[in-house]
C-alpha atoms as a PDB file:
ATOM      1  CA  MET A   1     -21.798 -31.109 -71.206  1.00  0.00           C
ATOM      2  CA  ALA A   2     -21.356 -27.875 -73.140  1.00  0.00           C
ATOM      3  CA  ASN A   3     -17.539 -27.920 -73.123  1.00  0.00           C
ATOM      4  CA  ASP A   4     -16.792 -31.462 -74.326  1.00  0.00           C
ATOM      5  CA  ALA A   5     -14.368 -30.263 -77.010  1.00  0.00           C
ATOM      6  CA  LEU A   6     -12.418 -28.108 -74.532  1.00  0.00           C
ATOM      7  CA  VAL A   7     -12.168 -31.000 -72.057  1.00  0.00           C
ATOM      8  CA  ALA A   8     -11.038 -33.448 -74.760  1.00  0.00           C
ATOM      9  CA  GLU A   9      -8.461 -30.953 -76.091  1.00  0.00           C
ATOM     10  CA  THR A  10      -7.095 -30.332 -72.588  1.00  0.00           C
ATOM     11  CA  LEU A  11      -6.775 -34.015 -71.705  1.00  0.00           C
ATOM     12  CA  ASP A  12      -5.007 -34.709 -75.006  1.00  0.00           C
ATOM     13  CA  LEU A  13      -2.677 -31.743 -74.470  1.00  0.00           C
ATOM     14  CA  ILE A  14      -1.754 -32.878 -70.953  1.00  0.00           C
ATOM     15  CA  VAL A  15      -0.870 -36.427 -72.006  1.00  0.00           C
ATOM     16  CA  ASN A  16       0.444 -36.049 -75.549  1.00  0.00           C
ATOM     17  CA  ASP A  17       1.682 -32.495 -76.063  1.00  0.00           C
ATOM     18  CA  SER A  18       2.340 -30.930 -72.660  1.00  0.00           C
ATOM     19  CA  GLU A  19       5.307 -28.910 -73.906  1.00  0.00           C
ATOM     20  CA  ASN A  20       3.288 -27.038 -76.551  1.00  0.00           C
ATOM     21  CA  LEU A  21       3.140 -23.436 -75.341  1.00  0.00           C
ATOM     22  CA  GLU A  22       0.856 -22.111 -78.077  1.00  0.00           C
ATOM     23  CA  ARG A  23      -1.629 -24.932 -77.680  1.00  0.00           C
ATOM     24  CA  THR A  24      -1.688 -24.284 -73.931  1.00  0.00           C
ATOM     25  CA  MET A  25      -2.190 -20.543 -74.362  1.00  0.00           C
ATOM     26  CA  ASN A  26      -5.025 -21.070 -76.857  1.00  0.00           C
ATOM     27  CA  LEU A  27      -7.063 -22.718 -74.091  1.00  0.00           C
ATOM     28  CA  LEU A  28      -6.861 -19.658 -71.790  1.00  0.00           C
ATOM     29  CA  THR A  29      -8.711 -16.355 -71.746  1.00  0.00           C
ATOM     30  CA  ASP A  30      -6.549 -13.228 -72.051  1.00  0.00           C
ATOM     31  CA  ASP A  31      -7.386 -12.287 -68.449  1.00  0.00           C
ATOM     32  CA  ALA A  32      -6.858 -15.759 -66.963  1.00  0.00           C
ATOM     33  CA  VAL A  33      -5.291 -16.311 -63.540  1.00  0.00           C
ATOM     34  CA  TRP A  34      -3.003 -19.283 -62.799  1.00  0.00           C
ATOM     35  CA  VAL A  35      -2.349 -20.128 -59.132  1.00  0.00           C
ATOM     36  CA  LEU A  36       0.365 -22.524 -57.906  1.00  0.00           C
ATOM     37  CA  GLU A  37       0.287 -24.401 -54.614  1.00  0.00           C
ATOM     38  CA  PRO A  38       2.166 -24.727 -52.379  1.00  0.00           C
ATOM     39  CA  GLY A  39       2.895 -21.063 -51.987  1.00  0.00           C
ATOM     40  CA  GLY A  40      -0.091 -19.367 -53.567  1.00  0.00           C
ATOM     41  CA  ILE A  41       1.984 -17.900 -56.405  1.00  0.00           C
ATOM     42  CA  GLU A  42      -0.284 -16.175 -58.938  1.00  0.00           C
ATOM     43  CA  TYR A  43       0.168 -15.210 -62.559  1.00  0.00           C
ATOM     44  CA  HIS A  44      -2.365 -12.783 -64.057  1.00  0.00           C
ATOM     45  CA  GLY A  45      -3.131 -12.387 -67.729  1.00  0.00           C
ATOM     46  CA  ALA A  46      -1.703 -13.884 -70.878  1.00  0.00           C
ATOM     47  CA  ARG A  47       1.669 -12.104 -70.638  1.00  0.00           C
ATOM     48  CA  GLU A  48       2.521 -13.405 -67.151  1.00  0.00           C
ATOM     49  CA  ILE A  49       1.081 -16.875 -67.768  1.00  0.00           C
ATOM     50  CA  ARG A  50       2.974 -17.221 -71.058  1.00  0.00           C
ATOM     51  CA  SER A  51       6.274 -16.417 -69.300  1.00  0.00           C
ATOM     52  CA  PHE A  52       5.508 -18.798 -66.445  1.00  0.00           C
ATOM     53  CA  VAL A  53       4.464 -21.690 -68.688  1.00  0.00           C
ATOM     54  CA  ARG A  54       7.417 -21.221 -71.049  1.00  0.00           C
ATOM     55  CA  ILE A  55       9.959 -21.168 -68.215  1.00  0.00           C
ATOM     56  CA  ALA A  56       8.276 -24.093 -66.429  1.00  0.00           C
ATOM     57  CA  MET A  57       8.334 -26.113 -69.658  1.00  0.00           C
ATOM     58  CA  ALA A  58      12.020 -25.314 -70.129  1.00  0.00           C
ATOM     59  CA  GLY A  59      12.684 -26.735 -66.669  1.00  0.00           C
ATOM     60  CA  ARG A  60      11.874 -30.296 -67.679  1.00  0.00           C
ATOM     61  CA  THR A  61      11.845 -32.721 -70.536  1.00  0.00           C
ATOM     62  CA  ASP A  62       9.597 -35.678 -71.170  1.00  0.00           C
ATOM     63  CA  ASP A  63      10.470 -38.990 -72.747  1.00  0.00           C
ATOM     64  CA  PRO A  64       8.670 -42.353 -72.953  1.00  0.00           C
ATOM     65  CA  ASN A  65       9.911 -43.293 -69.452  1.00  0.00           C
ATOM     66  CA  HIS A  66       9.217 -39.889 -67.899  1.00  0.00           C
ATOM     67  CA  ARG A  67       5.866 -38.451 -68.864  1.00  0.00           C
ATOM     68  CA  ILE A  68       2.452 -37.429 -67.600  1.00  0.00           C
ATOM     69  CA  GLN A  69      -0.086 -40.070 -66.620  1.00  0.00           C
ATOM     70  CA  ILE A  70      -3.658 -38.981 -65.868  1.00  0.00           C
ATOM     71  CA  THR A  71      -5.085 -40.966 -62.958  1.00  0.00           C
ATOM     72  CA  ASN A  72      -8.476 -39.286 -62.628  1.00  0.00           C
ATOM     73  CA  TRP A  73     -10.531 -36.429 -64.029  1.00  0.00           C
ATOM     74  CA  PHE A  74     -14.034 -35.048 -63.888  1.00  0.00           C
ATOM     75  CA  ALA A  75     -15.838 -32.137 -65.475  1.00  0.00           C
ATOM     76  CA  ASN A  76     -19.117 -30.275 -65.527  1.00  0.00           C
ATOM     77  CA  ASP A  77     -20.269 -27.205 -67.468  1.00  0.00           C
ATOM     78  CA  GLU A  78     -18.041 -24.843 -65.449  1.00  0.00           C
ATOM     79  CA  ASN A  79     -15.068 -26.867 -64.204  1.00  0.00           C
ATOM     80  CA  LEU A  80     -12.505 -29.456 -65.206  1.00  0.00           C
ATOM     81  CA  CYS A  81     -10.375 -31.154 -62.561  1.00  0.00           C
ATOM     82  CA  VAL A  82      -7.473 -33.376 -63.590  1.00  0.00           C
ATOM     83  CA  GLU A  83      -5.328 -35.512 -61.304  1.00  0.00           C
ATOM     84  CA  TYR A  84      -2.090 -36.810 -62.749  1.00  0.00           C
ATOM     85  CA  GLY A  85       1.395 -37.986 -62.035  1.00  0.00           C
ATOM     86  CA  HIS A  86       4.136 -36.038 -63.728  1.00  0.00           C
ATOM     87  CA  GLY A  87       7.379 -37.672 -64.609  1.00  0.00           C
ATOM     88  CA  GLY A  88      10.214 -35.894 -66.302  1.00  0.00           C
ATOM     89  CA  VAL A  89      13.852 -34.996 -66.207  1.00  0.00           C
ATOM     90  CA  THR A  90      14.660 -31.580 -64.785  1.00  0.00           C
ATOM     91  CA  THR A  91      16.985 -29.529 -66.963  1.00  0.00           C
ATOM     92  CA  GLY A  92      18.468 -27.594 -64.063  1.00  0.00           C
ATOM     93  CA  SER A  93      17.357 -24.258 -65.505  1.00  0.00           C
ATOM     94  CA  TYR A  94      15.732 -23.143 -62.240  1.00  0.00           C
ATOM     95  CA  THR A  95      16.841 -25.945 -59.913  1.00  0.00           C
ATOM     96  CA  ALA A  96      20.409 -24.702 -59.358  1.00  0.00           C
ATOM     97  CA  ALA A  97      21.665 -26.923 -62.210  1.00  0.00           C
ATOM     98  CA  ILE A  98      20.386 -30.019 -60.391  1.00  0.00           C
ATOM     99  CA  ARG A  99      19.074 -32.639 -62.789  1.00  0.00           C
ATOM    100  CA  VAL A 100      16.612 -35.134 -61.345  1.00  0.00           C
ATOM    101  CA  ARG A 101      14.698 -37.978 -62.984  1.00  0.00           C
ATOM    102  CA  LEU A 102      11.141 -38.133 -61.670  1.00  0.00           C
ATOM    103  CA  LYS A 103       8.812 -41.023 -62.332  1.00  0.00           C
ATOM    104  CA  ALA A 104       5.154 -40.149 -62.875  1.00  0.00           C
ATOM    105  CA  GLU A 105       4.230 -41.629 -59.512  1.00  0.00           C
ATOM    106  CA  SER A 106       6.729 -39.454 -57.609  1.00  0.00           C
ATOM    107  CA  THR A 107       4.876 -36.154 -57.986  1.00  0.00           C
ATOM    108  CA  ARG A 108       1.103 -35.787 -58.009  1.00  0.00           C
ATOM    109  CA  TYR A 109      -0.724 -32.835 -59.509  1.00  0.00           C
ATOM    110  CA  TRP A 110      -4.303 -31.677 -59.266  1.00  0.00           C
ATOM    111  CA  ILE A 111      -5.340 -28.913 -61.592  1.00  0.00           C
ATOM    112  CA  THR A 112      -8.739 -27.291 -61.429  1.00  0.00           C
ATOM    113  CA  HIS A 113      -9.791 -25.267 -64.452  1.00  0.00           C
ATOM    114  CA  HIS A 114     -12.714 -22.853 -64.397  1.00  0.00           C
ATOM    115  CA  ILE A 115     -14.453 -22.471 -67.753  1.00  0.00           C
ATOM    116  CA  ARG A 116     -15.783 -19.180 -69.111  1.00  0.00           C
ATOM    117  CA  ASP A 117     -16.962 -18.702 -72.685  1.00  0.00           C
ATOM    118  CA  GLY A 118     -15.341 -21.909 -73.903  1.00  0.00           C
ATOM    119  CA  LYS A 119     -11.888 -21.214 -72.411  1.00  0.00           C
ATOM    120  CA  PHE A 120     -10.240 -21.398 -69.014  1.00  0.00           C
ATOM    121  CA  ASP A 121     -10.229 -18.180 -67.030  1.00  0.00           C
ATOM    122  CA  ARG A 122      -8.784 -19.626 -63.814  1.00  0.00           C
ATOM    123  CA  VAL A 123      -6.343 -22.488 -63.283  1.00  0.00           C
ATOM    124  CA  HIS A 124      -5.382 -23.670 -59.814  1.00  0.00           C
ATOM    125  CA  GLU A 125      -2.490 -26.143 -59.746  1.00  0.00           C
ATOM    126  CA  TYR A 126      -1.723 -28.186 -56.630  1.00  0.00           C
ATOM    127  CA  ILE A 127       1.596 -30.051 -56.501  1.00  0.00           C
ATOM    128  CA  ASN A 128       2.289 -32.786 -53.965  1.00  0.00           C
ATOM    129  CA  GLY A 129       5.415 -34.923 -53.821  1.00  0.00           C
ATOM    130  CA  THR A 130       5.240 -38.477 -52.566  1.00  0.00           C
ATOM    131  CA  SER A 131       8.353 -38.176 -50.432  1.00  0.00           C
ATOM    132  CA  TRP A 132       9.427 -35.779 -47.712  1.00  0.00           C
ATOM    133  CA  TRP A 133      12.293 -34.410 -49.807  1.00  0.00           C
ATOM    134  CA  LEU A 134      10.026 -33.598 -52.770  1.00  0.00           C
ATOM    135  CA  ASN A 135       7.586 -31.870 -50.444  1.00  0.00           C
ATOM    136  CA  LEU A 136      10.482 -29.902 -48.977  1.00  0.00           C
ATOM    137  CA  LEU A 137      11.957 -28.942 -52.353  1.00  0.00           C
ATOM    138  CA  THR A 138       8.742 -28.117 -54.234  1.00  0.00           C
ATOM    139  CA  PRO A 139       8.139 -24.714 -52.582  1.00  0.00           C
ATOM    140  CA  VAL A 140      11.810 -23.826 -53.089  1.00  0.00           C
ATOM    141  CA  ALA A 141      11.699 -24.783 -56.781  1.00  0.00           C
ATOM    142  CA  LEU A 142       8.438 -22.855 -57.283  1.00  0.00           C
ATOM    143  CA  SER A 143       9.939 -19.798 -55.604  1.00  0.00           C
ATOM    144  CA  LEU A 144      13.007 -19.971 -57.875  1.00  0.00           C
ATOM    145  CA  LEU A 145      10.728 -20.371 -60.876  1.00  0.00           C
ATOM    146  CA  ASN A 146       8.673 -17.364 -59.777  1.00  0.00           C
ATOM    147  CA  ARG A 147      11.772 -15.193 -59.387  1.00  0.00           C
ATOM    148  CA  ARG A 148      12.938 -16.165 -62.847  1.00  0.00           C
ATOM    149  CA  VAL A 149       9.524 -15.361 -64.335  1.00  0.00           C
ATOM    150  CA  HIS A 150       9.465 -11.920 -62.724  1.00  0.00           C
ATOM    151  CA  ARG A 151      13.035 -11.165 -63.832  1.00  0.00           C
ATOM    152  CA  GLU A 152      12.029 -11.972 -67.394  1.00  0.00           C
ATOM    153  CA  LEU A 153       8.854  -9.884 -67.153  1.00  0.00           C
ATOM    154  CA  ALA A 154      10.842  -6.915 -65.838  1.00  0.00           C
ATOM    155  CA  LYS A 155      13.046  -7.009 -68.947  1.00  0.00           C
ATOM    156  CA  THR A 156      10.102  -6.677 -71.326  1.00  0.00           C
END
């Protein structure tokens, strides 16, 4: 596979350094598109994606008991797909000051990455809770996150 180094770097980032904004941004093309589901929220280009990723990272913390666990992944020359559980502790920054402890098995993520010229030019992130209340709250939290991102972008 032509993109072995990119795949290895991404998998390591997800598990061991998921809060590293610069490392994340270095994997993306300047014109990348990041799509969130549920809701179909889209961020276009490095400026929007940087704001989204930074604010999303500020919304949670990881510790040894609350972290990302990859359950499956596959790749070819054009795509990387990663399935993982994401644990963490919400900081309340875009969840109305609500702090929640999530175990890695409580929220499942699937992220498909399209590869162009050794970087990702399209990321599609699917989030699925394992309980009815997480599935109910996820679109609300993503909408609040999106509003915060766009407020920040409007200031700059």
